[in-house]
């Protein structure tokens, strides 16, 4: 649900969520690098790492396009920071 709140639309069914939500969930569910580690499996840390992996390696476009966009607009860093802040606020509940 945190992925949907951060990057999707809560009113849409799962199949219609943006690609970012679906791919991050797959990475978190075991397809991501390091997702099998106990520190990542089913943890907030693992979910944050899945979001980072998506933004750094799995987004559409070439690596050069992603790097250039990130350099110019800081999209990667902002999206990762947004998700981390949202996640940390949950851990304080």
N, C-alpha and C. Protein backbone atom coordinates (compact mmCIF):
# COMPACT_ATOMS: atom_id res chain seq x y z
N UNK A 1 0.82 -1.19 0.00
CA UNK A 1 0.00 0.00 0.00
C UNK A 1 0.87 1.26 0.00
N UNK A 2 2.05 1.17 0.63
CA UNK A 2 2.94 2.33 0.66
C UNK A 2 3.39 2.72 -0.74
N UNK A 3 3.63 1.74 -1.60
CA UNK A 3 4.01 2.04 -2.98
C UNK A 3 2.90 2.78 -3.71
N UNK A 4 1.67 2.34 -3.50
CA UNK A 4 0.53 2.97 -4.16
C UNK A 4 0.37 4.41 -3.64
N UNK A 5 0.50 4.60 -2.35
CA UNK A 5 0.38 5.94 -1.78
C UNK A 5 1.47 6.88 -2.30
N UNK A 6 2.67 6.36 -2.48
CA UNK A 6 3.78 7.20 -2.91
C UNK A 6 3.79 7.46 -4.41
N UNK A 7 3.47 6.45 -5.22
CA UNK A 7 3.67 6.57 -6.65
C UNK A 7 2.45 6.26 -7.50
N UNK A 8 1.36 5.85 -6.88
CA UNK A 8 0.19 5.43 -7.66
C UNK A 8 -1.06 6.22 -7.34
N UNK A 9 -2.17 5.55 -7.55
CA UNK A 9 -3.49 6.16 -7.34
C UNK A 9 -4.34 5.15 -6.58
N UNK A 10 -4.72 5.49 -5.36
CA UNK A 10 -5.45 4.55 -4.51
C UNK A 10 -6.82 4.18 -5.06
N UNK A 11 -7.34 4.97 -5.97
CA UNK A 11 -8.66 4.67 -6.53
C UNK A 11 -8.61 3.67 -7.68
N UNK A 12 -7.41 3.36 -8.17
CA UNK A 12 -7.28 2.42 -9.29
C UNK A 12 -7.05 1.00 -8.79
N UNK A 13 -7.55 -0.01 -9.53
CA UNK A 13 -7.23 -1.40 -9.18
C UNK A 13 -5.75 -1.68 -9.43
N UNK A 14 -5.26 -2.75 -8.84
CA UNK A 14 -3.84 -3.10 -8.92
C UNK A 14 -3.34 -3.17 -10.37
N UNK A 15 -4.10 -3.75 -11.26
CA UNK A 15 -3.67 -3.95 -12.64
C UNK A 15 -3.48 -2.61 -13.37
N UNK A 16 -4.12 -1.56 -12.89
CA UNK A 16 -4.03 -0.27 -13.56
C UNK A 16 -3.08 0.71 -12.85
N UNK A 17 -2.39 0.24 -11.83
CA UNK A 17 -1.42 1.09 -11.16
C UNK A 17 -0.26 1.38 -12.11
N UNK A 18 0.43 2.49 -11.91
CA UNK A 18 1.56 2.81 -12.77
C UNK A 18 2.63 1.72 -12.74
N UNK A 19 3.41 1.67 -13.79
CA UNK A 19 4.48 0.68 -13.91
C UNK A 19 5.42 0.73 -12.70
N UNK A 20 5.73 1.92 -12.20
CA UNK A 20 6.64 2.06 -11.06
C UNK A 20 6.15 1.25 -9.86
N UNK A 21 4.87 1.31 -9.58
CA UNK A 21 4.29 0.60 -8.43
C UNK A 21 4.43 -0.91 -8.64
N UNK A 22 4.05 -1.37 -9.81
CA UNK A 22 4.08 -2.81 -10.08
C UNK A 22 5.50 -3.37 -10.07
N UNK A 23 6.44 -2.66 -10.71
CA UNK A 23 7.82 -3.15 -10.75
C UNK A 23 8.46 -3.12 -9.37
N UNK A 24 8.26 -2.06 -8.62
CA UNK A 24 8.82 -1.98 -7.26
C UNK A 24 8.28 -3.12 -6.39
N UNK A 25 7.01 -3.43 -6.53
CA UNK A 25 6.43 -4.52 -5.74
C UNK A 25 7.06 -5.85 -6.12
N UNK A 26 7.30 -6.07 -7.41
CA UNK A 26 7.96 -7.30 -7.85
C UNK A 26 9.39 -7.37 -7.31
N UNK A 27 10.10 -6.26 -7.35
CA UNK A 27 11.47 -6.24 -6.81
C UNK A 27 11.46 -6.54 -5.32
N UNK A 28 10.52 -5.94 -4.61
CA UNK A 28 10.39 -6.18 -3.17
C UNK A 28 10.01 -7.63 -2.89
N UNK A 29 9.21 -8.20 -3.76
CA UNK A 29 8.73 -9.57 -3.57
C UNK A 29 9.71 -10.67 -3.90
N UNK A 30 10.92 -10.33 -4.32
CA UNK A 30 11.93 -11.36 -4.54
C UNK A 30 12.70 -11.25 -5.83
N UNK A 31 12.34 -10.33 -6.70
CA UNK A 31 13.05 -10.20 -7.97
C UNK A 31 14.16 -9.16 -7.93
N UNK A 32 14.28 -8.45 -6.85
CA UNK A 32 15.29 -7.40 -6.74
C UNK A 32 16.61 -7.92 -6.20
N UNK A 33 17.66 -7.17 -6.47
CA UNK A 33 18.98 -7.53 -5.96
C UNK A 33 18.96 -7.46 -4.43
N UNK A 34 19.39 -8.52 -3.79
CA UNK A 34 19.45 -8.55 -2.34
C UNK A 34 18.13 -8.76 -1.64
N UNK A 35 17.05 -8.98 -2.39
CA UNK A 35 15.74 -9.12 -1.76
C UNK A 35 15.61 -10.40 -0.93
N UNK A 36 16.53 -11.33 -1.15
CA UNK A 36 16.47 -12.59 -0.39
C UNK A 36 17.14 -12.47 0.98
N UNK A 37 17.85 -11.38 1.22
CA UNK A 37 18.53 -11.22 2.51
C UNK A 37 17.49 -11.01 3.62
N UNK A 38 17.79 -11.52 4.79
CA UNK A 38 16.86 -11.38 5.91
C UNK A 38 16.60 -9.92 6.26
N UNK A 39 17.59 -9.07 6.06
CA UNK A 39 17.40 -7.66 6.38
C UNK A 39 16.45 -6.98 5.40
N UNK A 40 16.25 -7.58 4.22
CA UNK A 40 15.40 -6.97 3.20
C UNK A 40 14.06 -7.66 3.05
N UNK A 41 14.00 -8.94 3.36
CA UNK A 41 12.79 -9.71 3.10
C UNK A 41 11.63 -9.25 3.99
N UNK A 42 10.64 -8.63 3.36
CA UNK A 42 9.45 -8.20 4.08
C UNK A 42 9.66 -7.04 5.03
N UNK A 43 10.75 -6.30 4.86
CA UNK A 43 11.04 -5.19 5.77
C UNK A 43 10.92 -3.85 5.07
N UNK A 44 10.85 -2.80 5.85
CA UNK A 44 10.83 -1.45 5.32
C UNK A 44 12.12 -1.15 4.57
N UNK A 45 13.23 -1.66 5.08
CA UNK A 45 14.51 -1.50 4.40
C UNK A 45 14.45 -2.12 3.01
N UNK A 46 13.89 -3.31 2.91
CA UNK A 46 13.78 -3.99 1.62
C UNK A 46 12.90 -3.23 0.65
N UNK A 47 11.83 -2.65 1.14
CA UNK A 47 10.93 -1.88 0.30
C UNK A 47 11.63 -0.63 -0.22
N UNK A 48 12.37 0.04 0.65
CA UNK A 48 13.12 1.22 0.25
C UNK A 48 14.17 0.86 -0.79
N UNK A 49 14.84 -0.25 -0.61
CA UNK A 49 15.86 -0.69 -1.58
C UNK A 49 15.22 -1.05 -2.92
N UNK A 50 14.03 -1.60 -2.90
CA UNK A 50 13.32 -1.91 -4.16
C UNK A 50 13.01 -0.62 -4.92
N UNK A 51 12.60 0.41 -4.21
CA UNK A 51 12.32 1.70 -4.85
C UNK A 51 13.60 2.28 -5.44
N UNK A 52 14.69 2.20 -4.70
CA UNK A 52 15.97 2.69 -5.20
C UNK A 52 16.40 1.92 -6.44
N UNK A 53 16.26 0.60 -6.41
CA UNK A 53 16.65 -0.21 -7.56
C UNK A 53 15.83 0.16 -8.79
N UNK A 54 14.55 0.36 -8.60
CA UNK A 54 13.71 0.75 -9.73
C UNK A 54 14.18 2.08 -10.31
N UNK A 55 14.35 3.07 -9.47
CA UNK A 55 14.71 4.40 -9.97
C UNK A 55 16.12 4.45 -10.54
N UNK A 56 17.02 3.63 -10.04
CA UNK A 56 18.39 3.68 -10.52
C UNK A 56 18.66 2.75 -11.70
N UNK A 57 17.90 1.66 -11.82
CA UNK A 57 18.25 0.66 -12.83
C UNK A 57 17.10 0.19 -13.71
N UNK A 58 15.87 0.29 -13.28
CA UNK A 58 14.76 -0.34 -13.99
C UNK A 58 13.82 0.61 -14.72
N UNK A 59 14.01 1.90 -14.57
CA UNK A 59 13.13 2.84 -15.25
C UNK A 59 13.31 2.72 -16.76
N UNK A 60 12.24 3.04 -17.50
CA UNK A 60 12.34 3.00 -18.95
C UNK A 60 13.30 4.07 -19.44
N UNK A 61 13.89 3.81 -20.60
CA UNK A 61 14.86 4.72 -21.17
C UNK A 61 16.26 4.18 -21.00
N UNK A 62 17.18 4.72 -21.73
CA UNK A 62 18.56 4.24 -21.63
C UNK A 62 19.19 4.74 -20.33
N UNK A 63 20.29 4.10 -19.97
CA UNK A 63 20.99 4.52 -18.75
C UNK A 63 21.43 5.98 -18.87
N UNK A 64 21.85 6.38 -20.06
CA UNK A 64 22.26 7.76 -20.27
C UNK A 64 21.11 8.73 -20.09
N UNK A 65 19.93 8.37 -20.60
CA UNK A 65 18.75 9.22 -20.45
C UNK A 65 18.37 9.37 -18.99
N UNK A 66 18.42 8.24 -18.26
CA UNK A 66 18.07 8.29 -16.84
C UNK A 66 19.07 9.13 -16.07
N UNK A 67 20.35 8.94 -16.35
CA UNK A 67 21.38 9.70 -15.65
C UNK A 67 21.27 11.19 -15.96
N UNK A 68 21.04 11.52 -17.22
CA UNK A 68 20.90 12.92 -17.61
C UNK A 68 19.68 13.56 -16.96
N UNK A 69 18.56 12.85 -16.97
CA UNK A 69 17.35 13.36 -16.33
C UNK A 69 17.55 13.57 -14.85
N UNK A 70 18.23 12.64 -14.22
CA UNK A 70 18.48 12.76 -12.79
C UNK A 70 19.39 13.95 -12.51
N UNK A 71 20.38 14.12 -13.35
CA UNK A 71 21.31 15.23 -13.18
C UNK A 71 20.59 16.56 -13.33
N UNK A 72 19.75 16.66 -14.34
CA UNK A 72 19.07 17.93 -14.63
C UNK A 72 17.93 18.23 -13.67
N UNK A 73 17.17 17.22 -13.34
CA UNK A 73 15.93 17.46 -12.61
C UNK A 73 15.91 16.83 -11.22
N UNK A 74 16.84 15.97 -10.93
CA UNK A 74 16.90 15.34 -9.62
C UNK A 74 15.73 14.43 -9.32
N UNK A 75 15.11 13.87 -10.36
CA UNK A 75 13.91 13.05 -10.18
C UNK A 75 14.18 11.82 -9.33
N UNK A 76 15.29 11.17 -9.57
CA UNK A 76 15.60 9.97 -8.79
C UNK A 76 15.71 10.28 -7.31
N UNK A 77 16.53 11.25 -7.01
CA UNK A 77 16.76 11.60 -5.62
C UNK A 77 15.49 12.06 -4.92
N UNK A 78 14.69 12.87 -5.59
CA UNK A 78 13.44 13.35 -4.98
C UNK A 78 12.47 12.21 -4.73
N UNK A 79 12.33 11.29 -5.70
CA UNK A 79 11.40 10.18 -5.52
C UNK A 79 11.85 9.26 -4.39
N UNK A 80 13.15 8.99 -4.34
CA UNK A 80 13.67 8.13 -3.28
C UNK A 80 13.53 8.80 -1.92
N UNK A 81 13.83 10.08 -1.86
CA UNK A 81 13.71 10.81 -0.60
C UNK A 81 12.27 10.88 -0.14
N UNK A 82 11.35 11.10 -1.07
CA UNK A 82 9.92 11.14 -0.74
C UNK A 82 9.48 9.82 -0.13
N UNK A 83 9.88 8.72 -0.76
CA UNK A 83 9.47 7.42 -0.26
C UNK A 83 10.11 7.14 1.11
N UNK A 84 11.36 7.50 1.28
CA UNK A 84 12.03 7.28 2.56
C UNK A 84 11.36 8.08 3.67
N UNK A 85 11.01 9.34 3.41
CA UNK A 85 10.34 10.15 4.43
C UNK A 85 8.98 9.57 4.79
N UNK A 86 8.25 9.12 3.78
CA UNK A 86 6.95 8.51 4.03
C UNK A 86 7.11 7.25 4.86
N UNK A 87 8.11 6.45 4.54
CA UNK A 87 8.35 5.20 5.26
C UNK A 87 8.76 5.45 6.70
N UNK A 88 9.63 6.43 6.91
CA UNK A 88 10.09 6.75 8.26
C UNK A 88 8.94 7.26 9.11
N UNK A 89 8.05 8.01 8.51
CA UNK A 89 6.89 8.52 9.28
C UNK A 89 6.01 7.37 9.74
N UNK A 90 5.97 6.28 8.99
CA UNK A 90 5.20 5.11 9.41
C UNK A 90 5.86 4.40 10.58
N UNK A 91 7.18 4.36 10.58
CA UNK A 91 7.87 3.64 11.64
C UNK A 91 7.75 4.36 12.98
N UNK A 92 7.37 5.62 12.96
CA UNK A 92 7.21 6.39 14.20
C UNK A 92 5.83 6.24 14.81
N UNK A 93 4.95 5.50 14.12
CA UNK A 93 3.59 5.34 14.65
C UNK A 93 3.54 4.37 15.80
